[in-house]
Amino acid sequence: EPAAATALSRERWELHCAGCWARLRGTGKLRCSRCRLVHYCNNRCQLVDWARAHRSECAGLPQLARAAEAEERSSGYAGLAEDALLVGRLVRAWARNAGAQGALEALCHSPSPRLEQ
């Protein structure tokens, strides 16, 4: 079972369901009709992900993907989209649930090798 952060990886957007993170197989997969970037194995997964995260991310996802590609070409840093999505999800979880505050504080207060580069 992959970690939630792993499922945010751009190269997995077409390979794994954004709702359940299962590997997509065959031609029966669904794609978000708005951003056209994330895929689902069925309608249930699409509805669950829309309520959980995608509603907040959908409109900005194409722009984020373009910015991440440009950053990767110019600096070699390949984690911009993944980092932005992860931070956004942590902030939204924190806003919904005070228990997630510890995870957000740990992210903000611990040094990251990526940020030091």
N, C-alpha and C. Protein backbone atom coordinates (compact mmCIF):
# COMPACT_ATOMS: atom_id res chain seq x y z
N GLU A 1 0.86 -1.19 0.00
CA GLU A 1 0.00 0.00 0.00
C GLU A 1 0.89 1.24 0.00
N PRO A 2 0.85 2.08 -1.03
CA PRO A 2 1.72 3.25 -1.08
C PRO A 2 1.26 4.33 -0.10
N ALA A 3 2.21 5.12 0.33
CA ALA A 3 1.88 6.26 1.20
C ALA A 3 1.12 7.29 0.39
N ALA A 4 0.34 8.10 1.06
CA ALA A 4 -0.45 9.13 0.38
C ALA A 4 0.44 10.09 -0.40
N ALA A 5 1.58 10.43 0.15
CA ALA A 5 2.48 11.36 -0.53
C ALA A 5 3.00 10.77 -1.83
N THR A 6 3.22 9.47 -1.88
CA THR A 6 3.70 8.81 -3.09
C THR A 6 2.68 8.94 -4.21
N ALA A 7 1.41 8.88 -3.87
CA ALA A 7 0.36 8.96 -4.88
C ALA A 7 0.28 10.34 -5.52
N LEU A 8 0.91 11.34 -4.91
CA LEU A 8 0.89 12.69 -5.47
C LEU A 8 1.91 12.89 -6.58
N SER A 9 2.78 11.94 -6.78
CA SER A 9 3.84 12.04 -7.77
C SER A 9 3.26 12.21 -9.18
N ARG A 10 3.76 13.21 -9.91
CA ARG A 10 3.23 13.51 -11.24
C ARG A 10 3.26 12.31 -12.18
N GLU A 11 4.33 11.53 -12.13
CA GLU A 11 4.41 10.40 -13.05
C GLU A 11 3.40 9.31 -12.72
N ARG A 12 2.77 9.37 -11.56
CA ARG A 12 1.75 8.39 -11.20
C ARG A 12 0.32 8.86 -11.49
N TRP A 13 0.15 10.12 -11.88
CA TRP A 13 -1.20 10.64 -12.10
C TRP A 13 -1.97 9.82 -13.13
N GLU A 14 -1.31 9.32 -14.15
CA GLU A 14 -1.99 8.53 -15.18
C GLU A 14 -1.95 7.04 -14.89
N LEU A 15 -1.13 6.63 -13.95
CA LEU A 15 -0.94 5.20 -13.68
C LEU A 15 -1.75 4.67 -12.51
N HIS A 16 -2.10 5.57 -11.57
CA HIS A 16 -2.79 5.15 -10.36
C HIS A 16 -4.06 5.95 -10.15
N CYS A 17 -5.06 5.30 -9.58
CA CYS A 17 -6.32 5.95 -9.24
C CYS A 17 -6.07 6.99 -8.15
N ALA A 18 -6.54 8.21 -8.35
CA ALA A 18 -6.36 9.26 -7.35
C ALA A 18 -7.26 9.05 -6.14
N GLY A 19 -8.23 8.17 -6.24
CA GLY A 19 -9.13 7.90 -5.13
C GLY A 19 -8.64 6.80 -4.20
N CYS A 20 -8.24 5.66 -4.78
CA CYS A 20 -7.82 4.52 -3.95
C CYS A 20 -6.36 4.16 -4.15
N TRP A 21 -5.67 4.79 -5.07
CA TRP A 21 -4.25 4.61 -5.38
C TRP A 21 -3.93 3.26 -5.99
N ALA A 22 -4.97 2.53 -6.43
CA ALA A 22 -4.72 1.25 -7.11
C ALA A 22 -4.12 1.53 -8.48
N ARG A 23 -3.31 0.60 -8.96
CA ARG A 23 -2.74 0.74 -10.30
C ARG A 23 -3.87 0.58 -11.31
N LEU A 24 -3.95 1.51 -12.25
CA LEU A 24 -5.00 1.48 -13.28
C LEU A 24 -4.58 0.53 -14.39
N ARG A 25 -5.53 -0.26 -14.85
CA ARG A 25 -5.26 -1.23 -15.90
C ARG A 25 -6.34 -1.13 -16.96
N GLY A 26 -5.97 -1.32 -18.20
CA GLY A 26 -6.94 -1.36 -19.28
C GLY A 26 -7.46 0.01 -19.67
N THR A 27 -8.58 0.00 -20.38
CA THR A 27 -9.14 1.23 -20.93
C THR A 27 -10.32 1.74 -20.14
N GLY A 28 -10.70 1.09 -19.05
CA GLY A 28 -11.89 1.47 -18.30
C GLY A 28 -11.69 2.61 -17.32
N LYS A 29 -10.52 3.23 -17.32
CA LYS A 29 -10.26 4.28 -16.34
C LYS A 29 -10.97 5.58 -16.70
N LEU A 30 -11.33 6.32 -15.67
CA LEU A 30 -11.98 7.62 -15.84
C LEU A 30 -10.96 8.72 -15.65
N ARG A 31 -11.17 9.86 -16.29
CA ARG A 31 -10.27 11.01 -16.12
C ARG A 31 -11.11 12.20 -15.73
N CYS A 32 -10.57 13.05 -14.86
CA CYS A 32 -11.29 14.26 -14.48
C CYS A 32 -11.54 15.08 -15.75
N SER A 33 -12.78 15.44 -15.98
CA SER A 33 -13.13 16.17 -17.21
C SER A 33 -12.73 17.63 -17.14
N ARG A 34 -12.41 18.12 -15.95
CA ARG A 34 -12.05 19.53 -15.79
C ARG A 34 -10.53 19.74 -15.99
N CYS A 35 -9.72 19.13 -15.16
CA CYS A 35 -8.27 19.33 -15.28
C CYS A 35 -7.65 18.36 -16.28
N ARG A 36 -8.28 17.21 -16.49
CA ARG A 36 -7.84 16.18 -17.42
C ARG A 36 -6.48 15.58 -17.05
N LEU A 37 -6.10 15.68 -15.77
CA LEU A 37 -4.79 15.18 -15.34
C LEU A 37 -4.87 13.99 -14.40
N VAL A 38 -5.89 13.90 -13.59
CA VAL A 38 -5.99 12.79 -12.64
C VAL A 38 -6.95 11.74 -13.17
N HIS A 39 -6.72 10.50 -12.77
CA HIS A 39 -7.49 9.37 -13.27
C HIS A 39 -8.07 8.57 -12.11
N TYR A 40 -9.13 7.84 -12.41
CA TYR A 40 -9.84 7.04 -11.40
C TYR A 40 -10.21 5.69 -11.98
N CYS A 41 -10.36 4.71 -11.08
CA CYS A 41 -10.76 3.39 -11.55
C CYS A 41 -12.28 3.26 -11.66
N ASN A 42 -13.03 4.11 -10.94
CA ASN A 42 -14.50 4.06 -11.04
C ASN A 42 -15.11 5.37 -10.52
N ASN A 43 -16.42 5.49 -10.67
CA ASN A 43 -17.12 6.71 -10.24
C ASN A 43 -17.04 6.93 -8.73
N ARG A 44 -17.07 5.85 -7.96
CA ARG A 44 -17.01 5.98 -6.51
C ARG A 44 -15.69 6.63 -6.08
N CYS A 45 -14.59 6.16 -6.64
CA CYS A 45 -13.28 6.74 -6.30
C CYS A 45 -13.23 8.22 -6.71
N GLN A 46 -13.83 8.55 -7.84
CA GLN A 46 -13.83 9.94 -8.28
C GLN A 46 -14.61 10.82 -7.31
N LEU A 47 -15.76 10.35 -6.84
CA LEU A 47 -16.56 11.12 -5.89
C LEU A 47 -15.85 11.26 -4.54
N VAL A 48 -15.23 10.19 -4.08
CA VAL A 48 -14.51 10.24 -2.80
C VAL A 48 -13.35 11.22 -2.89
N ASP A 49 -12.57 11.16 -3.97
CA ASP A 49 -11.43 12.06 -4.12
C ASP A 49 -11.87 13.50 -4.30
N TRP A 50 -12.98 13.71 -4.99
CA TRP A 50 -13.49 15.08 -5.17
C TRP A 50 -13.80 15.71 -3.81
N ALA A 51 -14.45 14.96 -2.95
CA ALA A 51 -14.80 15.48 -1.63
C ALA A 51 -13.56 15.62 -0.74
N ARG A 52 -12.63 14.68 -0.85
CA ARG A 52 -11.45 14.67 0.02
C ARG A 52 -10.41 15.71 -0.37
N ALA A 53 -10.11 15.85 -1.67
CA ALA A 53 -8.97 16.69 -2.04
C ALA A 53 -9.10 17.37 -3.39
N HIS A 54 -9.59 16.67 -4.39
CA HIS A 54 -9.49 17.17 -5.76
C HIS A 54 -10.30 18.44 -6.01
N ARG A 55 -11.40 18.61 -5.30
CA ARG A 55 -12.19 19.84 -5.47
C ARG A 55 -11.33 21.08 -5.24
N SER A 56 -10.46 21.02 -4.25
CA SER A 56 -9.60 22.16 -3.91
C SER A 56 -8.42 22.31 -4.86
N GLU A 57 -8.05 21.24 -5.54
CA GLU A 57 -6.85 21.23 -6.37
C GLU A 57 -7.11 21.34 -7.86
N CYS A 58 -8.28 20.96 -8.29
CA CYS A 58 -8.57 20.76 -9.71
C CYS A 58 -8.27 21.98 -10.58
N ALA A 59 -8.77 23.12 -10.23
CA ALA A 59 -8.61 24.30 -11.08
C ALA A 59 -7.16 24.71 -11.25
N GLY A 60 -6.35 24.55 -10.22
CA GLY A 60 -4.95 24.97 -10.29
C GLY A 60 -3.98 23.89 -10.73
N LEU A 61 -4.46 22.66 -10.88
CA LEU A 61 -3.57 21.55 -11.19
C LEU A 61 -2.84 21.68 -12.53
N PRO A 62 -3.51 22.07 -13.60
CA PRO A 62 -2.78 22.22 -14.87
C PRO A 62 -1.66 23.26 -14.78
N GLN A 63 -1.92 24.37 -14.13
CA GLN A 63 -0.90 25.42 -13.97
C GLN A 63 0.24 24.90 -13.09
N LEU A 64 -0.07 24.18 -12.03
CA LEU A 64 0.94 23.61 -11.17
C LEU A 64 1.80 22.62 -11.94
N ALA A 65 1.19 21.79 -12.76
CA ALA A 65 1.94 20.81 -13.55
C ALA A 65 2.89 21.51 -14.52
N ARG A 66 2.43 22.58 -15.18
CA ARG A 66 3.30 23.33 -16.10
C ARG A 66 4.45 23.98 -15.34
N ALA A 67 4.18 24.57 -14.19
CA ALA A 67 5.23 25.20 -13.39
C ALA A 67 6.25 24.16 -12.92
N ALA A 68 5.78 23.00 -12.53
CA ALA A 68 6.68 21.94 -12.07
C ALA A 68 7.57 21.46 -13.21
N GLU A 69 7.00 21.31 -14.40
CA GLU A 69 7.81 20.89 -15.55
C GLU A 69 8.87 21.93 -15.88
N ALA A 70 8.51 23.21 -15.84
CA ALA A 70 9.47 24.28 -16.12
C ALA A 70 10.57 24.30 -15.07
N GLU A 71 10.21 24.12 -13.81
CA GLU A 71 11.20 24.11 -12.73
C GLU A 71 12.14 22.92 -12.89
N GLU A 72 11.59 21.79 -13.27
CA GLU A 72 12.43 20.60 -13.45
C GLU A 72 13.42 20.81 -14.59
N ARG A 73 12.98 21.43 -15.68
CA ARG A 73 13.88 21.71 -16.80
C ARG A 73 14.97 22.70 -16.42
N SER A 74 14.62 23.74 -15.66
CA SER A 74 15.59 24.79 -15.36
C SER A 74 16.53 24.43 -14.22
N SER A 75 16.06 23.73 -13.20
CA SER A 75 16.92 23.48 -12.04
C SER A 75 17.18 22.01 -11.75
N GLY A 76 16.42 21.13 -12.37
CA GLY A 76 16.56 19.72 -12.08
C GLY A 76 15.76 19.25 -10.88
N TYR A 77 15.09 20.18 -10.20
CA TYR A 77 14.28 19.82 -9.02
C TYR A 77 12.95 19.26 -9.50
N ALA A 78 12.70 18.00 -9.21
CA ALA A 78 11.53 17.32 -9.75
C ALA A 78 10.38 17.19 -8.78
N GLY A 79 10.43 17.82 -7.61
CA GLY A 79 9.40 17.60 -6.60
C GLY A 79 8.44 18.74 -6.36
N LEU A 80 8.44 19.76 -7.20
CA LEU A 80 7.61 20.95 -6.94
C LEU A 80 6.13 20.63 -6.85
N ALA A 81 5.58 19.94 -7.83
CA ALA A 81 4.14 19.63 -7.82
C ALA A 81 3.78 18.77 -6.62
N GLU A 82 4.59 17.76 -6.36
CA GLU A 82 4.31 16.85 -5.26
C GLU A 82 4.36 17.59 -3.92
N ASP A 83 5.37 18.43 -3.75
CA ASP A 83 5.50 19.19 -2.50
C ASP A 83 4.32 20.14 -2.31
N ALA A 84 3.94 20.84 -3.37
CA ALA A 84 2.83 21.79 -3.29
C ALA A 84 1.52 21.07 -2.95
N LEU A 85 1.27 19.94 -3.58
CA LEU A 85 0.05 19.19 -3.30
C LEU A 85 0.05 18.65 -1.87
N LEU A 86 1.19 18.14 -1.43
CA LEU A 86 1.28 17.60 -0.07
C LEU A 86 1.05 18.69 0.97
N VAL A 87 1.69 19.84 0.81
CA VAL A 87 1.50 20.94 1.76
C VAL A 87 0.04 21.40 1.75
N GLY A 88 -0.55 21.53 0.57
CA GLY A 88 -1.96 21.92 0.48
C GLY A 88 -2.86 20.95 1.21
N ARG A 89 -2.61 19.66 1.04
CA ARG A 89 -3.44 18.66 1.72
C ARG A 89 -3.22 18.69 3.23
N LEU A 90 -1.99 18.91 3.67
CA LEU A 90 -1.74 19.02 5.12
C LEU A 90 -2.45 20.24 5.72
N VAL A 91 -2.39 21.36 5.02
CA VAL A 91 -3.04 22.57 5.53
C VAL A 91 -4.55 22.37 5.59
N ARG A 92 -5.14 21.77 4.55
CA ARG A 92 -6.59 21.53 4.59
C ARG A 92 -6.95 20.55 5.69
N ALA A 93 -6.14 19.51 5.90
CA ALA A 93 -6.41 18.56 6.98
C ALA A 93 -6.30 19.24 8.32
N TRP A 94 -5.32 20.10 8.46
CA TRP A 94 -5.15 20.84 9.71
C TRP A 94 -6.37 21.72 9.97
N ALA A 95 -6.88 22.35 8.94
CA ALA A 95 -8.05 23.22 9.10
C ALA A 95 -9.27 22.41 9.51
N ARG A 96 -9.39 21.17 9.02
CA ARG A 96 -10.52 20.31 9.35
C ARG A 96 -10.37 19.63 10.70
N ASN A 97 -9.13 19.36 11.08
CA ASN A 97 -8.91 18.50 12.23
C ASN A 97 -7.69 19.01 12.99
N ALA A 98 -7.88 19.45 14.19
CA ALA A 98 -6.77 19.99 14.98
C ALA A 98 -5.69 18.94 15.21
N GLY A 99 -6.01 17.65 15.11
CA GLY A 99 -5.02 16.59 15.28
C GLY A 99 -3.95 16.59 14.20
N ALA A 100 -4.26 17.13 13.04
CA ALA A 100 -3.27 17.19 11.97
C ALA A 100 -2.29 18.33 12.18
N GLN A 101 -2.54 19.17 13.16
CA GLN A 101 -1.66 20.31 13.41
C GLN A 101 -0.24 19.85 13.72
N GLY A 102 -0.10 18.75 14.42
CA GLY A 102 1.23 18.23 14.74
C GLY A 102 2.02 17.90 13.48
N ALA A 103 1.36 17.31 12.49
CA ALA A 103 2.04 16.98 11.24
C ALA A 103 2.47 18.23 10.51
N LEU A 104 1.62 19.24 10.49
CA LEU A 104 1.96 20.50 9.83
C LEU A 104 3.11 21.19 10.55
N GLU A 105 3.08 21.22 11.87
CA GLU A 105 4.16 21.85 12.63
C GLU A 105 5.48 21.11 12.40
N ALA A 106 5.44 19.80 12.35
CA ALA A 106 6.65 19.03 12.10
C ALA A 106 7.21 19.35 10.72
N LEU A 107 6.34 19.49 9.74
CA LEU A 107 6.77 19.83 8.39
C LEU A 107 7.41 21.21 8.35
N CYS A 108 6.82 22.16 9.05
CA CYS A 108 7.30 23.54 9.00
C CYS A 108 8.56 23.77 9.83
N HIS A 109 8.77 22.99 10.87
CA HIS A 109 9.88 23.25 11.79
C HIS A 109 11.07 22.32 11.64
N SER A 110 10.93 21.28 10.82
CA SER A 110 12.09 20.41 10.64
C SER A 110 12.77 20.76 9.32
N PRO A 111 14.10 20.83 9.33
CA PRO A 111 14.80 21.16 8.09
C PRO A 111 14.63 20.05 7.06
N SER A 112 14.50 20.43 5.82
CA SER A 112 14.35 19.48 4.73
C SER A 112 15.57 19.58 3.82
N PRO A 113 16.14 18.45 3.44
CA PRO A 113 17.28 18.49 2.53
C PRO A 113 16.94 19.19 1.22
N ARG A 114 15.71 19.03 0.75
CA ARG A 114 15.31 19.67 -0.50
C ARG A 114 15.32 21.20 -0.35
N LEU A 115 14.84 21.69 0.79
CA LEU A 115 14.74 23.12 0.98
C LEU A 115 16.11 23.76 1.16
N GLU A 116 17.08 22.99 1.63
CA GLU A 116 18.41 23.54 1.85
C GLU A 116 19.21 23.62 0.56
N GLN A 117 18.79 22.95 -0.49
CA GLN A 117 19.53 22.97 -1.74
C GLN A 117 19.45 24.29 -2.45
